[in-house]
Protein backbone atom coordinates (compact mmCIF):
# COMPACT_ATOMS: atom_id res chain seq x y z
CA MET A 1 127.98 292.29 186.67
CA GLN A 2 125.84 292.26 183.61
CA LEU A 3 122.32 290.92 182.43
CA ALA A 4 121.77 287.80 179.96
CA HIS A 5 119.41 285.46 179.23
CA VAL A 6 119.28 281.91 180.09
CA LEU A 7 119.01 279.98 177.50
CA GLY A 8 118.96 276.24 178.92
CA THR A 9 120.62 273.90 180.90
CA ALA A 10 124.27 272.07 180.12
CA THR A 11 124.59 268.89 180.78
CA ALA A 12 128.15 267.31 181.68
CA THR A 13 129.06 263.85 181.77
CA VAL A 14 133.10 264.31 183.15
CA LYS A 15 133.13 267.92 184.95
CA HIS A 16 135.89 269.21 186.34
CA PRO A 17 135.99 268.29 190.31
CA SER A 18 135.27 271.77 191.35
CA LEU A 19 132.29 271.97 189.31
CA ALA A 20 130.84 268.86 191.61
CA GLY A 21 126.95 269.04 191.90
CA THR A 22 126.78 272.18 190.34
CA LYS A 23 123.98 273.60 187.66
CA LEU A 24 125.30 274.73 184.41
CA LEU A 25 123.28 277.32 182.81
CA VAL A 26 123.51 278.28 178.90
CA VAL A 27 123.10 282.27 179.71
CA GLN A 28 123.44 284.95 176.53
CA PRO A 29 124.60 288.12 178.01
CA LEU A 30 123.04 291.14 176.25
CA MET A 31 123.82 294.77 175.63
CA SER A 32 122.83 297.58 178.01
CA ASP A 33 119.35 298.19 175.51
CA ARG A 34 118.62 294.51 176.14
CA VAL A 35 117.53 294.00 173.16
CA GLY A 36 120.68 292.74 171.44
CA PRO A 37 123.25 289.78 171.97
CA ASP A 38 126.52 291.17 173.39
CA GLY A 39 129.12 288.44 172.16
CA ASP A 40 128.15 284.45 172.42
CA PRO A 41 126.35 282.49 174.78
CA GLN A 42 128.40 281.13 178.18
CA LEU A 43 128.27 278.57 180.43
CA ALA A 44 127.14 279.87 183.86
CA ILE A 45 126.72 278.56 187.54
CA ASP A 46 123.71 278.19 188.70
CA THR A 47 123.48 279.58 192.31
CA VAL A 48 119.60 280.50 192.58
CA ALA A 49 117.63 278.32 190.56
CA ALA A 50 117.48 280.49 187.76
CA GLY A 51 115.99 278.43 184.70
CA PRO A 52 114.96 278.66 181.00
CA GLY A 53 113.78 282.02 180.13
CA ASP A 54 114.20 283.61 182.92
CA LEU A 55 116.92 287.16 182.97
CA VAL A 56 119.18 287.23 185.29
CA MET A 57 122.26 288.87 186.58
CA ILE A 58 125.63 287.25 186.37
CA THR A 59 129.35 287.92 186.88
CA SER A 60 132.47 287.19 186.37
CA ASP A 61 134.04 287.75 189.76
CA GLY A 62 135.92 284.89 190.67
CA ARG A 63 136.29 285.23 194.24
CA LEU A 64 132.77 284.44 194.84
CA LEU A 65 133.31 281.41 192.53
CA ARG A 66 136.08 280.77 194.68
CA ASP A 67 133.45 280.83 197.86
CA VAL A 68 130.98 279.31 196.67
CA LEU A 69 132.73 276.37 195.09
CA ASP A 70 134.75 275.78 197.59
CA CYS A 71 137.89 275.69 195.34
CA GLU A 72 140.96 278.02 195.18
CA ALA A 73 141.42 276.44 190.90
CA THR A 74 138.37 276.17 189.23
CA PRO A 75 137.93 276.72 185.51
CA ALA A 76 134.14 278.53 185.47
CA ARG A 77 134.47 281.65 185.32
CA TRP A 78 130.49 283.06 185.25
CA SER A 79 128.12 282.35 187.52
CA VAL A 80 124.07 283.76 188.07
CA VAL A 81 123.94 285.77 191.11
CA ALA A 82 119.81 287.03 190.79
CA ILE A 83 116.76 286.77 188.43
CA VAL A 84 115.81 289.27 187.64
CA ASP A 85 111.84 290.80 188.16
CA ASP A 86 111.67 293.73 186.19
CA VAL A 87 114.36 296.48 184.75
CA ARG A 88 112.64 299.77 184.54
CA PRO A 89 115.39 302.57 183.00
CA ALA A 90 116.56 305.52 185.37
CA ALA A 91 115.22 308.71 185.29
CA ALA A 92 116.96 311.42 183.43
CA GLY A 93 118.12 314.18 184.81
CA ARG A 94 117.60 312.99 187.99
CA ARG A 95 119.64 314.30 190.98
CA GLY A 96 119.70 312.34 194.40
């Protein structure tokens, strides 16, 4: 899983049949410091009603997408699984 910013939505006039009825988001994966981008923007399937400007958690878990889309063969790779409200750094030297 990785944090990402939602840049916007994507509209497709023709989609793979497994993507019918899905909302596509353009997301920018972030480095662990949440300051710089981690690679190029990606398309992600929205499963949580996220929108432009949201900080989200994305995953490339193929099994999750196959279950959500009810399709064993989908070209989708990324999905949005959470909208992040707050991120706090772990306490240094914390012991459990």
